[in-house]
PDB file of N, CA and C in Angstrom:
ATOM      1  N   MET A   1      84.775  60.671  89.754  1.00  0.00           N
ATOM      2  CA  MET A   1      84.376  59.769  90.819  1.00  0.00           C
ATOM      3  C   MET A   1      85.375  58.622  90.860  1.00  0.00           C
ATOM      4  N   SER A   2      86.153  58.594  91.895  1.00  0.00           N
ATOM      5  CA  SER A   2      87.195  57.577  91.982  1.00  0.00           C
ATOM      6  C   SER A   2      86.892  56.500  93.010  1.00  0.00           C
ATOM      7  N   SER A   3      85.751  56.598  93.661  1.00  0.00           N
ATOM      8  CA  SER A   3      85.380  55.596  94.656  1.00  0.00           C
ATOM      9  C   SER A   3      83.905  55.284  94.497  1.00  0.00           C
ATOM     10  N   ASN A   4      83.355  54.582  95.459  1.00  0.00           N
ATOM     11  CA  ASN A   4      81.934  54.245  95.413  1.00  0.00           C
ATOM     12  C   ASN A   4      81.096  55.263  96.163  1.00  0.00           C
ATOM     13  N   VAL A   5      81.645  56.456  96.352  1.00  0.00           N
ATOM     14  CA  VAL A   5      80.953  57.523  97.065  1.00  0.00           C
ATOM     15  C   VAL A   5      80.952  58.776  96.201  1.00  0.00           C
ATOM     16  N   ILE A   6      79.816  59.457  96.153  1.00  0.00           N
ATOM     17  CA  ILE A   6      79.704  60.712  95.426  1.00  0.00           C
ATOM     18  C   ILE A   6      79.500  61.818  96.452  1.00  0.00           C
ATOM     19  N   THR A   7      80.389  62.787  96.442  1.00  0.00           N
ATOM     20  CA  THR A   7      80.307  63.890  97.392  1.00  0.00           C
ATOM     21  C   THR A   7      79.265  64.911  96.946  1.00  0.00           C
ATOM     22  N   SER A   8      78.958  65.823  97.829  1.00  0.00           N
ATOM     23  CA  SER A   8      78.007  66.881  97.517  1.00  0.00           C
ATOM     24  C   SER A   8      78.486  67.722  96.335  1.00  0.00           C
ATOM     25  N   ASP A   9      79.780  68.025  96.284  1.00  0.00           N
ATOM     26  CA  ASP A   9      80.323  68.798  95.158  1.00  0.00           C
ATOM     27  C   ASP A   9      80.176  68.043  93.840  1.00  0.00           C
ATOM     28  N   GLU A  10      80.469  66.756  93.852  1.00  0.00           N
ATOM     29  CA  GLU A  10      80.322  65.946  92.637  1.00  0.00           C
ATOM     30  C   GLU A  10      78.858  65.875  92.224  1.00  0.00           C
ATOM     31  N   ARG A  11      77.984  65.802  93.200  1.00  0.00           N
ATOM     32  CA  ARG A  11      76.547  65.767  92.912  1.00  0.00           C
ATOM     33  C   ARG A  11      76.112  67.057  92.214  1.00  0.00           C
ATOM     34  N   GLN A  12      76.626  68.195  92.664  1.00  0.00           N
ATOM     35  CA  GLN A  12      76.301  69.468  92.030  1.00  0.00           C
ATOM     36  C   GLN A  12      76.845  69.530  90.602  1.00  0.00           C
ATOM     37  N   GLN A  13      78.018  68.978  90.381  1.00  0.00           N
ATOM     38  CA  GLN A  13      78.583  68.941  89.029  1.00  0.00           C
ATOM     39  C   GLN A  13      77.706  68.100  88.112  1.00  0.00           C
ATOM     40  N   ILE A  14      77.238  66.971  88.608  1.00  0.00           N
ATOM     41  CA  ILE A  14      76.343  66.109  87.822  1.00  0.00           C
ATOM     42  C   ILE A  14      75.067  66.865  87.495  1.00  0.00           C
ATOM     43  N   ARG A  15      74.524  67.557  88.475  1.00  0.00           N
ATOM     44  CA  ARG A  15      73.293  68.320  88.271  1.00  0.00           C
ATOM     45  C   ARG A  15      73.484  69.372  87.177  1.00  0.00           C
ATOM     46  N   ARG A  16      74.612  70.090  87.212  1.00  0.00           N
ATOM     47  CA  ARG A  16      74.876  71.112  86.193  1.00  0.00           C
ATOM     48  C   ARG A  16      74.944  70.498  84.796  1.00  0.00           C
ATOM     49  N   VAL A  17      75.594  69.358  84.684  1.00  0.00           N
ATOM     50  CA  VAL A  17      75.689  68.685  83.380  1.00  0.00           C
ATOM     51  C   VAL A  17      74.303  68.301  82.883  1.00  0.00           C
ATOM     52  N   LEU A  18      73.486  67.752  83.765  1.00  0.00           N
ATOM     53  CA  LEU A  18      72.154  67.319  83.350  1.00  0.00           C
ATOM     54  C   LEU A  18      71.255  68.497  82.996  1.00  0.00           C
ATOM     55  N   LEU A  19      71.420  69.620  83.670  1.00  0.00           N
ATOM     56  CA  LEU A  19      70.576  70.780  83.404  1.00  0.00           C
ATOM     57  C   LEU A  19      70.932  71.498  82.110  1.00  0.00           C
ATOM     58  N   THR A  20      72.100  71.227  81.558  1.00  0.00           N
ATOM     59  CA  THR A  20      72.459  71.863  80.289  1.00  0.00           C
ATOM     60  C   THR A  20      71.617  71.317  79.145  1.00  0.00           C
ATOM     61  N   GLY A  21      71.054  70.129  79.341  1.00  0.00           N
ATOM     62  CA  GLY A  21      70.179  69.565  78.331  1.00  0.00           C
ATOM     63  C   GLY A  21      70.887  68.833  77.210  1.00  0.00           C
ATOM     64  N   TYR A  22      72.208  68.745  77.274  1.00  0.00           N
ATOM     65  CA  TYR A  22      72.930  68.060  76.210  1.00  0.00           C
ATOM     66  C   TYR A  22      74.023  67.182  76.788  1.00  0.00           C
ATOM     67  N   LEU A  23      74.004  65.928  76.397  1.00  0.00           N
ATOM     68  CA  LEU A  23      75.069  64.996  76.750  1.00  0.00           C
ATOM     69  C   LEU A  23      75.560  64.344  75.469  1.00  0.00           C
ATOM     70  N   ASP A  24      76.875  64.299  75.287  1.00  0.00           N
ATOM     71  CA  ASP A  24      77.377  63.558  74.133  1.00  0.00           C
ATOM     72  C   ASP A  24      77.307  62.062  74.455  1.00  0.00           C
ATOM     73  N   ASP A  25      77.664  61.229  73.521  1.00  0.00           N
ATOM     74  CA  ASP A  25      77.520  59.784  73.708  1.00  0.00           C
ATOM     75  C   ASP A  25      78.314  59.264  74.901  1.00  0.00           C
ATOM     76  N   ASP A  26      79.527  59.768  75.081  1.00  0.00           N
ATOM     77  CA  ASP A  26      80.351  59.320  76.211  1.00  0.00           C
ATOM     78  C   ASP A  26      79.749  59.754  77.546  1.00  0.00           C
ATOM     79  N   GLU A  27      79.299  61.007  77.621  1.00  0.00           N
ATOM     80  CA  GLU A  27      78.682  61.500  78.856  1.00  0.00           C
ATOM     81  C   GLU A  27      77.408  60.724  79.172  1.00  0.00           C
ATOM     82  N   TYR A  28      76.626  60.432  78.139  1.00  0.00           N
ATOM     83  CA  TYR A  28      75.401  59.662  78.335  1.00  0.00           C
ATOM     84  C   TYR A  28      75.720  58.268  78.884  1.00  0.00           C
ATOM     85  N   ALA A  29      76.727  57.622  78.351  1.00  0.00           N
ATOM     86  CA  ALA A  29      77.112  56.286  78.817  1.00  0.00           C
ATOM     87  C   ALA A  29      77.565  56.331  80.271  1.00  0.00           C
ATOM     88  N   ILE A  30      78.326  57.364  80.633  1.00  0.00           N
ATOM     89  CA  ILE A  30      78.774  57.507  82.015  1.00  0.00           C
ATOM     90  C   ILE A  30      77.581  57.707  82.946  1.00  0.00           C
ATOM     91  N   MET A  31      76.647  58.562  82.566  1.00  0.00           N
ATOM     92  CA  MET A  31      75.476  58.815  83.415  1.00  0.00           C
ATOM     93  C   MET A  31      74.618  57.562  83.547  1.00  0.00           C
ATOM     94  N   LYS A  32      74.481  56.810  82.463  1.00  0.00           N
ATOM     95  CA  LYS A  32      73.695  55.579  82.510  1.00  0.00           C
ATOM     96  C   LYS A  32      74.331  54.582  83.477  1.00  0.00           C
ATOM     97  N   LYS A  33      75.653  54.453  83.427  1.00  0.00           N
ATOM     98  CA  LYS A  33      76.371  53.562  84.331  1.00  0.00           C
ATOM     99  C   LYS A  33      76.231  54.033  85.779  1.00  0.00           C
ATOM    100  N   LEU A  34      76.325  55.342  85.992  1.00  0.00           N
ATOM    101  CA  LEU A  34      76.196  55.898  87.335  1.00  0.00           C
ATOM    102  C   LEU A  34      74.814  55.619  87.915  1.00  0.00           C
ATOM    103  N   VAL A  35      73.782  55.873  87.138  1.00  0.00           N
ATOM    104  CA  VAL A  35      72.413  55.627  87.603  1.00  0.00           C
ATOM    105  C   VAL A  35      72.225  54.151  87.937  1.00  0.00           C
ATOM    106  N   ASP A  36      72.759  53.274  87.113  1.00  0.00           N
ATOM    107  CA  ASP A  36      72.657  51.838  87.371  1.00  0.00           C
ATOM    108  C   ASP A  36      73.338  51.471  88.687  1.00  0.00           C
ATOM    109  N   ARG A  37      74.518  52.010  88.918  1.00  0.00           N
ATOM    110  CA  ARG A  37      75.254  51.690  90.149  1.00  0.00           C
ATOM    111  C   ARG A  37      74.568  52.257  91.387  1.00  0.00           C
ATOM    112  N   VAL A  38      74.008  53.447  91.268  1.00  0.00           N
ATOM    113  CA  VAL A  38      73.273  54.019  92.400  1.00  0.00           C
ATOM    114  C   VAL A  38      72.046  53.163  92.697  1.00  0.00           C
ATOM    115  N   SER A  39      71.333  52.749  91.663  1.00  0.00           N
ATOM    116  CA  SER A  39      70.119  51.954  91.880  1.00  0.00           C
ATOM    117  C   SER A  39      70.422  50.584  92.474  1.00  0.00           C
ATOM    118  N   ARG A  40      71.623  50.040  92.191  1.00  0.00           N
ATOM    119  CA  ARG A  40      72.017  48.754  92.778  1.00  0.00           C
ATOM    120  C   ARG A  40      72.633  48.914  94.164  1.00  0.00           C
ATOM    121  N   GLY A  41      72.880  50.156  94.549  1.00  0.00           N
ATOM    122  CA  GLY A  41      73.427  50.423  95.874  1.00  0.00           C
ATOM    123  C   GLY A  41      74.932  50.311  95.969  1.00  0.00           C
ATOM    124  N   THR A  42      75.619  50.222  94.825  1.00  0.00           N
ATOM    125  CA  THR A  42      77.077  50.116  94.875  1.00  0.00           C
ATOM    126  C   THR A  42      77.754  51.478  94.924  1.00  0.00           C
ATOM    127  N   VAL A  43      76.988  52.540  94.652  1.00  0.00           N
ATOM    128  CA  VAL A  43      77.483  53.909  94.787  1.00  0.00           C
ATOM    129  C   VAL A  43      76.517  54.638  95.700  1.00  0.00           C
ATOM    130  N   LYS A  44      77.055  55.409  96.622  1.00  0.00           N
ATOM    131  CA  LYS A  44      76.223  56.131  97.571  1.00  0.00           C
ATOM    132  C   LYS A  44      76.542  57.619  97.530  1.00  0.00           C
ATOM    133  N   PHE A  45      75.505  58.427  97.755  1.00  0.00           N
ATOM    134  CA  PHE A  45      75.669  59.868  97.881  1.00  0.00           C
ATOM    135  C   PHE A  45      75.949  60.197  99.335  1.00  0.00           C
ATOM    136  N   VAL A  46      76.914  61.048  99.586  1.00  0.00           N
ATOM    137  CA  VAL A  46      77.218  61.499 100.945  1.00  0.00           C
ATOM    138  C   VAL A  46      77.225  63.021 100.971  1.00  0.00           C
ATOM    139  N   GLU A  47      76.977  63.571 102.131  1.00  0.00           N
ATOM    140  CA  GLU A  47      76.995  65.030 102.315  1.00  0.00           C
ATOM    141  C   GLU A  47      78.337  65.473 102.795  1.00  0.00           C
TER     142      GLU A  47
END
């Protein structure tokens, strides 16, 4: 993710990572930051 927009393809990649059931510490930190930014509205999902 190089901008404040997450594309449909990137969204599917995130979904696959989350469905595997395992995140290492770095992946967990990235997901936590992403969720925070989405909740604050600084990152948006686009189709």
